[in-house]
Amino acid sequence: PDLVRTGLDEGGANGSQTVPFYGKHQAGIATGPQAHAVFAALDLRG
């Protein structure tokens, strides 16, 4: 329990902030852009 909280902690850190995964639209589009990103493209095995 002490490792997962919602919103900013007492020091103003945002490490525990979450973005909903489920919904009509995928997250990561209307979501405010985060500071870091990785784009990984994969090819199906035959």
All heavy atoms as atom14 arrays in JSON, in Angstrom:
{
  "sequence": "PDLVRTGLDEGGANGSQTVPFYGKHQAGIATGPQAHAVFAALDLRG",
  "atom14_mask": [
    [1, 1, 1, 1, 1, 1, 1, 0, 0, 0, 0, 0, 0, 0],
    [1, 1, 1, 1, 1, 1, 1, 1, 0, 0, 0, 0, 0, 0],
    [1, 1, 1, 1, 1, 1, 1, 1, 0, 0, 0, 0, 0, 0],
    [1, 1, 1, 1, 1, 1, 1, 0, 0, 0, 0, 0, 0, 0],
    [1, 1, 1, 1, 1, 1, 1, 1, 1, 1, 1, 0, 0, 0],
    [1, 1, 1, 1, 1, 1, 1, 0, 0, 0, 0, 0, 0, 0],
    [1, 1, 1, 1, 0, 0, 0, 0, 0, 0, 0, 0, 0, 0],
    [1, 1, 1, 1, 1, 1, 1, 1, 0, 0, 0, 0, 0, 0],
    [1, 1, 1, 1, 1, 1, 1, 1, 0, 0, 0, 0, 0, 0],
    [1, 1, 1, 1, 1, 1, 1, 1, 1, 0, 0, 0, 0, 0],
    [1, 1, 1, 1, 0, 0, 0, 0, 0, 0, 0, 0, 0, 0],
    [1, 1, 1, 1, 0, 0, 0, 0, 0, 0, 0, 0, 0, 0],
    [1, 1, 1, 1, 1, 0, 0, 0, 0, 0, 0, 0, 0, 0],
    [1, 1, 1, 1, 1, 1, 1, 1, 0, 0, 0, 0, 0, 0],
    [1, 1, 1, 1, 0, 0, 0, 0, 0, 0, 0, 0, 0, 0],
    [1, 1, 1, 1, 1, 1, 0, 0, 0, 0, 0, 0, 0, 0],
    [1, 1, 1, 1, 1, 1, 1, 1, 1, 0, 0, 0, 0, 0],
    [1, 1, 1, 1, 1, 1, 1, 0, 0, 0, 0, 0, 0, 0],
    [1, 1, 1, 1, 1, 1, 1, 0, 0, 0, 0, 0, 0, 0],
    [1, 1, 1, 1, 1, 1, 1, 0, 0, 0, 0, 0, 0, 0],
    [1, 1, 1, 1, 1, 1, 1, 1, 1, 1, 1, 0, 0, 0],
    [1, 1, 1, 1, 1, 1, 1, 1, 1, 1, 1, 1, 0, 0],
    [1, 1, 1, 1, 0, 0, 0, 0, 0, 0, 0, 0, 0, 0],
    [1, 1, 1, 1, 1, 1, 1, 1, 1, 0, 0, 0, 0, 0],
    [1, 1, 1, 1, 1, 1, 1, 1, 1, 1, 0, 0, 0, 0],
    [1, 1, 1, 1, 1, 1, 1, 1, 1, 0, 0, 0, 0, 0],
    [1, 1, 1, 1, 1, 0, 0, 0, 0, 0, 0, 0, 0, 0],
    [1, 1, 1, 1, 0, 0, 0, 0, 0, 0, 0, 0, 0, 0],
    [1, 1, 1, 1, 1, 1, 1, 1, 0, 0, 0, 0, 0, 0],
    [1, 1, 1, 1, 1, 0, 0, 0, 0, 0, 0, 0, 0, 0],
    [1, 1, 1, 1, 1, 1, 1, 0, 0, 0, 0, 0, 0, 0],
    [1, 1, 1, 1, 0, 0, 0, 0, 0, 0, 0, 0, 0, 0],
    [1, 1, 1, 1, 1, 1, 1, 0, 0, 0, 0, 0, 0, 0],
    [1, 1, 1, 1, 1, 1, 1, 1, 1, 0, 0, 0, 0, 0],
    [1, 1, 1, 1, 1, 0, 0, 0, 0, 0, 0, 0, 0, 0],
    [1, 1, 1, 1, 1, 1, 1, 1, 1, 1, 0, 0, 0, 0],
    [1, 1, 1, 1, 1, 0, 0, 0, 0, 0, 0, 0, 0, 0],
    [1, 1, 1, 1, 1, 1, 1, 0, 0, 0, 0, 0, 0, 0],
    [1, 1, 1, 1, 1, 1, 1, 1, 1, 1, 1, 0, 0, 0],
    [1, 1, 1, 1, 1, 0, 0, 0, 0, 0, 0, 0, 0, 0],
    [1, 1, 1, 1, 1, 0, 0, 0, 0, 0, 0, 0, 0, 0],
    [1, 1, 1, 1, 1, 1, 1, 1, 0, 0, 0, 0, 0, 0],
    [1, 1, 1, 1, 1, 1, 1, 1, 0, 0, 0, 0, 0, 0],
    [1, 1, 1, 1, 1, 1, 1, 1, 0, 0, 0, 0, 0, 0],
    [1, 1, 1, 1, 1, 1, 1, 1, 1, 1, 1, 0, 0, 0],
    [1, 1, 1, 1, 0, 0, 0, 0, 0, 0, 0, 0, 0, 0]
  ],
  "atom14_positions": [
    [[0.8, -1.23, 0.0], [0.0, 0.0, 0.0], [0.83, 1.27, 0.0], [0.45, 2.26, -0.61], [-0.83, -0.13, 1.28], [-0.9, -1.61, 1.54], [0.42, -2.16, 1.06], [0.0, 0.0, 0.0], [0.0, 0.0, 0.0], [0.0, 0.0, 0.0], [0.0, 0.0, 0.0], [0.0, 0.0, 0.0], [0.0, 0.0, 0.0], [0.0, 0.0, 0.0]],
    [[1.99, 1.28, 0.69], [2.75, 2.52, 0.76], [3.53, 2.8, -0.52], [4.17, 3.83, -0.65], [3.74, 2.47, 1.94], [4.78, 1.38, 1.77], [4.45, 0.36, 1.13], [5.89, 1.54, 2.29], [0.0, 0.0, 0.0], [0.0, 0.0, 0.0], [0.0, 0.0, 0.0], [0.0, 0.0, 0.0], [0.0, 0.0, 0.0], [0.0, 0.0, 0.0]],
    [[3.48, 1.88, -1.51], [4.2, 2.09, -2.75], [3.32, 2.67, -3.86], [3.82, 3.12, -4.86], [4.8, 0.77, -3.25], [5.92, 0.19, -2.38], [6.43, -1.1, -3.0], [7.06, 1.19, -2.25], [0.0, 0.0, 0.0], [0.0, 0.0, 0.0], [0.0, 0.0, 0.0], [0.0, 0.0, 0.0], [0.0, 0.0, 0.0], [0.0, 0.0, 0.0]],
    [[2.01, 2.6, -3.7], [1.12, 3.07, -4.75], [0.16, 4.1, -4.18], [-0.59, 3.82, -3.26], [0.33, 1.91, -5.38], [-0.66, 2.45, -6.41], [1.29, 0.94, -6.06], [0.0, 0.0, 0.0], [0.0, 0.0, 0.0], [0.0, 0.0, 0.0], [0.0, 0.0, 0.0], [0.0, 0.0, 0.0], [0.0, 0.0, 0.0], [0.0, 0.0, 0.0]],
    [[0.2, 5.32, -4.72], [-0.71, 6.38, -4.31], [-1.22, 7.06, -5.56], [-0.69, 6.86, -6.65], [0.0, 7.39, -3.41], [0.51, 6.79, -2.1], [1.09, 7.87, -1.21], [2.28, 8.46, -1.75], [3.49, 7.96, -1.56], [3.65, 6.86, -0.87], [4.56, 8.56, -2.08], [0.0, 0.0, 0.0], [0.0, 0.0, 0.0], [0.0, 0.0, 0.0]],
    [[-2.23, 7.86, -5.43], [-2.75, 8.59, -6.57], [-2.36, 10.05, -6.44], [-2.24, 10.59, -5.34], [-4.28, 8.47, -6.64], [-4.84, 8.98, -5.42], [-4.69, 7.02, -6.83], [0.0, 0.0, 0.0], [0.0, 0.0, 0.0], [0.0, 0.0, 0.0], [0.0, 0.0, 0.0], [0.0, 0.0, 0.0], [0.0, 0.0, 0.0], [0.0, 0.0, 0.0]],
    [[-2.18, 10.71, -7.58], [-1.86, 12.13, -7.59], [-0.44, 12.41, -7.14], [0.41, 11.53, -7.07], [0.0, 0.0, 0.0], [0.0, 0.0, 0.0], [0.0, 0.0, 0.0], [0.0, 0.0, 0.0], [0.0, 0.0, 0.0], [0.0, 0.0, 0.0], [0.0, 0.0, 0.0], [0.0, 0.0, 0.0], [0.0, 0.0, 0.0], [0.0, 0.0, 0.0]],
    [[-0.16, 13.66, -6.81], [1.17, 14.06, -6.37], [1.38, 13.68, -4.92], [0.45, 13.71, -4.12], [1.33, 15.57, -6.52], [1.17, 16.15, -7.94], [1.36, 17.65, -7.9], [2.14, 15.51, -8.9], [0.0, 0.0, 0.0], [0.0, 0.0, 0.0], [0.0, 0.0, 0.0], [0.0, 0.0, 0.0], [0.0, 0.0, 0.0], [0.0, 0.0, 0.0]],
    [[2.62, 13.32, -4.57], [2.89, 13.01, -3.18], [3.18, 14.32, -2.42], [3.1, 15.41, -2.97], [4.03, 12.0, -3.05], [5.37, 12.55, -3.53], [5.5, 13.79, -3.66], [6.28, 11.74, -3.76], [0.0, 0.0, 0.0], [0.0, 0.0, 0.0], [0.0, 0.0, 0.0], [0.0, 0.0, 0.0], [0.0, 0.0, 0.0], [0.0, 0.0, 0.0]],
    [[3.52, 14.19, -1.15], [3.69, 15.37, -0.32], [4.82, 16.27, -0.81], [4.81, 17.47, -0.59], [3.96, 14.94, 1.13], [2.76, 14.25, 1.77], [3.07, 13.78, 3.18], [4.23, 13.93, 3.59], [2.17, 13.27, 3.84], [0.0, 0.0, 0.0], [0.0, 0.0, 0.0], [0.0, 0.0, 0.0], [0.0, 0.0, 0.0], [0.0, 0.0, 0.0]],
    [[5.78, 15.7, -1.52], [6.87, 16.5, -2.04], [6.6, 17.07, -3.42], [7.48, 17.7, -4.01], [0.0, 0.0, 0.0], [0.0, 0.0, 0.0], [0.0, 0.0, 0.0], [0.0, 0.0, 0.0], [0.0, 0.0, 0.0], [0.0, 0.0, 0.0], [0.0, 0.0, 0.0], [0.0, 0.0, 0.0], [0.0, 0.0, 0.0], [0.0, 0.0, 0.0]],
    [[5.41, 16.83, -3.96], [5.07, 17.35, -5.27], [5.48, 16.46, -6.43], [5.37, 16.85, -7.58], [0.0, 0.0, 0.0], [0.0, 0.0, 0.0], [0.0, 0.0, 0.0], [0.0, 0.0, 0.0], [0.0, 0.0, 0.0], [0.0, 0.0, 0.0], [0.0, 0.0, 0.0], [0.0, 0.0, 0.0], [0.0, 0.0, 0.0], [0.0, 0.0, 0.0]],
    [[5.97, 15.25, -6.14], [6.37, 14.33, -7.2], [5.15, 13.72, -7.88], [4.1, 13.55, -7.26], [7.27, 13.23, -6.63], [0.0, 0.0, 0.0], [0.0, 0.0, 0.0], [0.0, 0.0, 0.0], [0.0, 0.0, 0.0], [0.0, 0.0, 0.0], [0.0, 0.0, 0.0], [0.0, 0.0, 0.0], [0.0, 0.0, 0.0], [0.0, 0.0, 0.0]],
    [[5.32, 13.35, -9.14], [4.18, 12.8, -9.88], [4.36, 11.32, -10.2], [3.65, 10.79, -11.06], [3.99, 13.57, -11.19], [5.03, 13.21, -12.24], [6.2, 13.03, -11.91], [4.62, 13.11, -13.5], [0.0, 0.0, 0.0], [0.0, 0.0, 0.0], [0.0, 0.0, 0.0], [0.0, 0.0, 0.0], [0.0, 0.0, 0.0], [0.0, 0.0, 0.0]],
    [[5.29, 10.66, -9.56], [5.55, 9.26, -9.89], [4.37, 8.35, -9.76], [4.28, 7.32, -10.43], [0.0, 0.0, 0.0], [0.0, 0.0, 0.0], [0.0, 0.0, 0.0], [0.0, 0.0, 0.0], [0.0, 0.0, 0.0], [0.0, 0.0, 0.0], [0.0, 0.0, 0.0], [0.0, 0.0, 0.0], [0.0, 0.0, 0.0], [0.0, 0.0, 0.0]],
    [[3.41, 8.68, -8.9], [2.24, 7.82, -8.69], [1.05, 8.21, -9.55], [0.01, 7.58, -9.47], [1.83, 7.86, -7.21], [2.86, 7.36, -6.39], [0.0, 0.0, 0.0], [0.0, 0.0, 0.0], [0.0, 0.0, 0.0], [0.0, 0.0, 0.0], [0.0, 0.0, 0.0], [0.0, 0.0, 0.0], [0.0, 0.0, 0.0], [0.0, 0.0, 0.0]],
    [[1.19, 9.23, -10.39], [0.08, 9.62, -11.25], [-0.14, 8.56, -12.33], [0.8, 8.02, -12.9], [0.35, 10.96, -11.91], [0.18, 12.14, -10.97], [0.22, 13.47, -11.71], [0.91, 13.59, -12.71], [-0.51, 14.44, -11.22], [0.0, 0.0, 0.0], [0.0, 0.0, 0.0], [0.0, 0.0, 0.0], [0.0, 0.0, 0.0], [0.0, 0.0, 0.0]],
    [[-1.41, 8.28, -12.61], [-1.76, 7.26, -13.59], [-2.64, 7.84, -14.68], [-3.34, 8.83, -14.49], [-2.51, 6.09, -12.92], [-3.69, 6.59, -12.28], [-1.63, 5.4, -11.88], [0.0, 0.0, 0.0], [0.0, 0.0, 0.0], [0.0, 0.0, 0.0], [0.0, 0.0, 0.0], [0.0, 0.0, 0.0], [0.0, 0.0, 0.0], [0.0, 0.0, 0.0]],
    [[-2.58, 7.21, -15.83], [-3.44, 7.53, -16.98], [-4.32, 6.31, -17.23], [-3.8, 5.19, -17.35], [-2.59, 7.83, -18.23], [-3.49, 8.04, -19.45], [-1.71, 9.05, -17.99], [0.0, 0.0, 0.0], [0.0, 0.0, 0.0], [0.0, 0.0, 0.0], [0.0, 0.0, 0.0], [0.0, 0.0, 0.0], [0.0, 0.0, 0.0], [0.0, 0.0, 0.0]],
    [[-5.64, 6.46, -17.3], [-6.51, 5.29, -17.52], [-6.14, 4.56, -18.81], [-5.84, 5.2, -19.83], [-7.91, 5.9, -17.6], [-7.82, 7.2, -16.88], [-6.43, 7.7, -17.13], [0.0, 0.0, 0.0], [0.0, 0.0, 0.0], [0.0, 0.0, 0.0], [0.0, 0.0, 0.0], [0.0, 0.0, 0.0], [0.0, 0.0, 0.0], [0.0, 0.0, 0.0]],
    [[-6.17, 3.25, -18.77], [-5.89, 2.46, -19.96], [-7.15, 2.17, -20.77], [-7.14, 2.24, -21.99], [-5.21, 1.13, -19.58], [-4.91, 0.26, -20.77], [-3.81, 0.52, -21.58], [-5.72, -0.82, -21.09], [-3.53, -0.27, -22.69], [-5.45, -1.62, -22.2], [-4.35, -1.35, -22.99], [0.0, 0.0, 0.0], [0.0, 0.0, 0.0], [0.0, 0.0, 0.0]],
    [[-8.23, 1.83, -20.07], [-9.47, 1.45, -20.76], [-10.29, 2.69, -21.11], [-10.25, 3.7, -20.42], [-10.29, 0.5, -19.89], [-9.59, -0.81, -19.61], [-9.1, -1.11, -18.33], [-9.39, -1.75, -20.62], [-8.46, -2.31, -18.07], [-8.74, -2.95, -20.37], [-8.27, -3.22, -19.1], [-7.63, -4.41, -18.85], [0.0, 0.0, 0.0], [0.0, 0.0, 0.0]],
    [[-11.06, 2.59, -22.2], [-11.91, 3.69, -22.59], [-12.23, 3.63, -24.07], [-11.74, 2.76, -24.8], [0.0, 0.0, 0.0], [0.0, 0.0, 0.0], [0.0, 0.0, 0.0], [0.0, 0.0, 0.0], [0.0, 0.0, 0.0], [0.0, 0.0, 0.0], [0.0, 0.0, 0.0], [0.0, 0.0, 0.0], [0.0, 0.0, 0.0], [0.0, 0.0, 0.0]],
    [[-13.05, 4.56, -24.53], [-13.45, 4.57, -25.94], [-12.25, 4.8, -26.85], [-12.15, 4.22, -27.94], [-14.48, 5.66, -26.19], [-14.94, 5.74, -27.64], [-16.03, 6.78, -27.86], [-16.45, 6.81, -29.33], [-17.52, 7.8, -29.59], [0.0, 0.0, 0.0], [0.0, 0.0, 0.0], [0.0, 0.0, 0.0], [0.0, 0.0, 0.0], [0.0, 0.0, 0.0]],
    [[-11.33, 5.67, -26.42], [-10.13, 5.96, -27.2], [-8.9, 5.48, -26.44], [-8.9, 5.43, -25.21], [-10.0, 7.46, -27.45], [-11.2, 8.1, -28.05], [-11.67, 7.78, -29.3], [-12.05, 9.05, -27.56], [-12.74, 8.52, -29.57], [-12.99, 9.29, -28.53], [0.0, 0.0, 0.0], [0.0, 0.0, 0.0], [0.0, 0.0, 0.0], [0.0, 0.0, 0.0]],
    [[-7.86, 5.15, -27.17], [-6.61, 4.79, -26.52], [-5.97, 6.01, -25.87], [-6.09, 7.14, -26.36], [-5.64, 4.19, -27.53], [-6.01, 2.81, -28.03], [-4.82, 2.15, -28.7], [-3.78, 1.88, -28.08], [-4.96, 1.9, -29.99], [0.0, 0.0, 0.0], [0.0, 0.0, 0.0], [0.0, 0.0, 0.0], [0.0, 0.0, 0.0], [0.0, 0.0, 0.0]],
    [[-5.28, 5.77, -24.77], [-4.5, 6.83, -24.14], [-3.27, 7.12, -24.99], [-2.93, 6.37, -25.91], [-4.1, 6.41, -22.73], [0.0, 0.0, 0.0], [0.0, 0.0, 0.0], [0.0, 0.0, 0.0], [0.0, 0.0, 0.0], [0.0, 0.0, 0.0], [0.0, 0.0, 0.0], [0.0, 0.0, 0.0], [0.0, 0.0, 0.0], [0.0, 0.0, 0.0]],
    [[-2.58, 8.23, -24.66], [-1.38, 8.58, -25.38], [-1.63, 9.4, -26.63], [-0.71, 9.62, -27.42], [0.0, 0.0, 0.0], [0.0, 0.0, 0.0], [0.0, 0.0, 0.0], [0.0, 0.0, 0.0], [0.0, 0.0, 0.0], [0.0, 0.0, 0.0], [0.0, 0.0, 0.0], [0.0, 0.0, 0.0], [0.0, 0.0, 0.0], [0.0, 0.0, 0.0]],
    [[-2.86, 9.87, -26.8], [-3.21, 10.69, -27.96], [-3.72, 12.04, -27.46], [-3.09, 13.07, -27.68], [-4.25, 9.99, -28.86], [-3.72, 8.63, -29.31], [-4.6, 10.86, -30.06], [-4.72, 7.76, -30.02], [0.0, 0.0, 0.0], [0.0, 0.0, 0.0], [0.0, 0.0, 0.0], [0.0, 0.0, 0.0], [0.0, 0.0, 0.0], [0.0, 0.0, 0.0]],
    [[-4.86, 12.02, -26.77], [-5.34, 13.24, -26.13], [-4.62, 13.49, -24.81], [-4.7, 14.59, -24.25], [-6.84, 13.15, -25.89], [0.0, 0.0, 0.0], [0.0, 0.0, 0.0], [0.0, 0.0, 0.0], [0.0, 0.0, 0.0], [0.0, 0.0, 0.0], [0.0, 0.0, 0.0], [0.0, 0.0, 0.0], [0.0, 0.0, 0.0], [0.0, 0.0, 0.0]],
    [[-3.91, 12.5, -24.31], [-3.13, 12.64, -23.08], [-2.09, 13.74, -23.24], [-1.42, 13.84, -24.27], [-2.41, 11.32, -22.76], [-3.36, 10.25, -22.76], [-1.7, 11.39, -21.43], [0.0, 0.0, 0.0], [0.0, 0.0, 0.0], [0.0, 0.0, 0.0], [0.0, 0.0, 0.0], [0.0, 0.0, 0.0], [0.0, 0.0, 0.0], [0.0, 0.0, 0.0]],
    [[-1.94, 14.58, -22.22], [-0.87, 15.58, -22.25], [0.46, 14.89, -22.46], [0.78, 13.93, -21.76], [0.0, 0.0, 0.0], [0.0, 0.0, 0.0], [0.0, 0.0, 0.0], [0.0, 0.0, 0.0], [0.0, 0.0, 0.0], [0.0, 0.0, 0.0], [0.0, 0.0, 0.0], [0.0, 0.0, 0.0], [0.0, 0.0, 0.0], [0.0, 0.0, 0.0]],
    [[1.26, 15.33, -23.44], [2.51, 14.62, -23.76], [3.43, 14.49, -22.55], [3.67, 15.44, -21.82], [3.14, 15.5, -24.84], [2.0, 16.23, -25.46], [1.03, 16.48, -24.33], [0.0, 0.0, 0.0], [0.0, 0.0, 0.0], [0.0, 0.0, 0.0], [0.0, 0.0, 0.0], [0.0, 0.0, 0.0], [0.0, 0.0, 0.0], [0.0, 0.0, 0.0]],
    [[3.93, 13.28, -22.35], [4.86, 13.02, -21.27], [6.27, 13.4, -21.71], [6.53, 13.7, -22.87], [4.79, 11.55, -20.87], [3.4, 11.11, -20.39], [2.53, 10.5, -21.47], [2.56, 10.94, -22.61], [1.75, 9.48, -21.12], [0.0, 0.0, 0.0], [0.0, 0.0, 0.0], [0.0, 0.0, 0.0], [0.0, 0.0, 0.0], [0.0, 0.0, 0.0]],
    [[7.2, 13.37, -20.77], [8.56, 13.85, -21.04], [9.38, 12.88, -21.87], [10.3, 13.3, -22.58], [9.27, 14.14, -19.72], [0.0, 0.0, 0.0], [0.0, 0.0, 0.0], [0.0, 0.0, 0.0], [0.0, 0.0, 0.0], [0.0, 0.0, 0.0], [0.0, 0.0, 0.0], [0.0, 0.0, 0.0], [0.0, 0.0, 0.0], [0.0, 0.0, 0.0]],
    [[9.09, 11.59, -21.79], [9.91, 10.58, -22.45], [9.01, 9.63, -23.25], [7.88, 9.35, -22.85], [10.71, 9.78, -21.43], [11.61, 10.63, -20.58], [12.87, 11.02, -20.96], [11.4, 11.19, -19.37], [13.41, 11.77, -20.03], [12.53, 11.9, -19.04], [0.0, 0.0, 0.0], [0.0, 0.0, 0.0], [0.0, 0.0, 0.0], [0.0, 0.0, 0.0]],
    [[9.54, 9.13, -24.36], [8.78, 8.23, -25.21], [9.7, 7.23, -25.89], [10.86, 7.53, -26.19], [7.99, 9.0, -26.27], [0.0, 0.0, 0.0], [0.0, 0.0, 0.0], [0.0, 0.0, 0.0], [0.0, 0.0, 0.0], [0.0, 0.0, 0.0], [0.0, 0.0, 0.0], [0.0, 0.0, 0.0], [0.0, 0.0, 0.0], [0.0, 0.0, 0.0]],
    [[9.15, 6.04, -26.12], [9.79, 5.03, -26.96], [8.74, 4.56, -27.96], [7.58, 4.34, -27.61], [10.3, 3.83, -26.13], [10.51, 2.61, -27.01], [11.61, 4.18, -25.45], [0.0, 0.0, 0.0], [0.0, 0.0, 0.0], [0.0, 0.0, 0.0], [0.0, 0.0, 0.0], [0.0, 0.0, 0.0], [0.0, 0.0, 0.0], [0.0, 0.0, 0.0]],
    [[9.18, 4.45, -29.22], [8.33, 3.93, -30.28], [8.97, 2.65, -30.78], [10.09, 2.67, -31.29], [8.2, 4.95, -31.41], [7.7, 6.3, -30.94], [8.58, 7.26, -30.48], [6.35, 6.58, -30.94], [8.14, 8.49, -30.03], [5.89, 7.81, -30.49], [6.77, 8.76, -30.03], [0.0, 0.0, 0.0], [0.0, 0.0, 0.0], [0.0, 0.0, 0.0]],
    [[8.26, 1.53, -30.6], [8.81, 0.22, -30.96], [7.93, -0.39, -32.05], [6.73, -0.62, -31.83], [8.87, -0.69, -29.75], [0.0, 0.0, 0.0], [0.0, 0.0, 0.0], [0.0, 0.0, 0.0], [0.0, 0.0, 0.0], [0.0, 0.0, 0.0], [0.0, 0.0, 0.0], [0.0, 0.0, 0.0], [0.0, 0.0, 0.0], [0.0, 0.0, 0.0]],
    [[8.52, -0.65, -33.21], [7.81, -1.31, -34.31], [8.24, -2.76, -34.36], [9.44, -3.07, -34.3], [8.1, -0.61, -35.63], [0.0, 0.0, 0.0], [0.0, 0.0, 0.0], [0.0, 0.0, 0.0], [0.0, 0.0, 0.0], [0.0, 0.0, 0.0], [0.0, 0.0, 0.0], [0.0, 0.0, 0.0], [0.0, 0.0, 0.0], [0.0, 0.0, 0.0]],
    [[7.27, -3.66, -34.51], [7.54, -5.08, -34.54], [6.95, -5.69, -35.8], [5.94, -5.21, -36.32], [6.96, -5.79, -33.31], [7.51, -5.34, -31.96], [6.61, -4.26, -31.35], [7.6, -6.52, -30.99], [0.0, 0.0, 0.0], [0.0, 0.0, 0.0], [0.0, 0.0, 0.0], [0.0, 0.0, 0.0], [0.0, 0.0, 0.0], [0.0, 0.0, 0.0]],
    [[7.57, -6.77, -36.28], [7.1, -7.52, -37.44], [6.64, -8.9, -37.0], [7.33, -9.58, -36.22], [8.2, -7.67, -38.49], [8.43, -6.38, -39.27], [7.52, -5.53, -39.3], [9.52, -6.24, -39.84], [0.0, 0.0, 0.0], [0.0, 0.0, 0.0], [0.0, 0.0, 0.0], [0.0, 0.0, 0.0], [0.0, 0.0, 0.0], [0.0, 0.0, 0.0]],
    [[5.5, -9.32, -37.51], [4.97, -10.64, -37.18], [5.92, -11.74, -37.65], [6.51, -11.65, -38.74], [3.61, -10.84, -37.85], [2.44, -10.01, -37.31], [1.27, -10.09, -38.28], [2.03, -10.51, -35.93], [0.0, 0.0, 0.0], [0.0, 0.0, 0.0], [0.0, 0.0, 0.0], [0.0, 0.0, 0.0], [0.0, 0.0, 0.0], [0.0, 0.0, 0.0]],
    [[6.05, -12.78, -36.84], [6.77, -13.96, -37.29], [5.91, -14.7, -38.32], [4.68, -14.62, -38.3], [7.1, -14.87, -36.11], [8.06, -14.22, -35.1], [8.55, -15.21, -34.06], [9.45, -14.58, -33.1], [10.74, -14.38, -33.3], [11.3, -14.75, -34.45], [11.49, -13.8, -32.37], [0.0, 0.0, 0.0], [0.0, 0.0, 0.0], [0.0, 0.0, 0.0]],
    [[6.57, -15.43, -39.2], [5.86, -16.05, -40.31], [4.82, -17.07, -39.92], [3.87, -17.31, -40.67], [0.0, 0.0, 0.0], [0.0, 0.0, 0.0], [0.0, 0.0, 0.0], [0.0, 0.0, 0.0], [0.0, 0.0, 0.0], [0.0, 0.0, 0.0], [0.0, 0.0, 0.0], [0.0, 0.0, 0.0], [0.0, 0.0, 0.0], [0.0, 0.0, 0.0]]
  ]
}
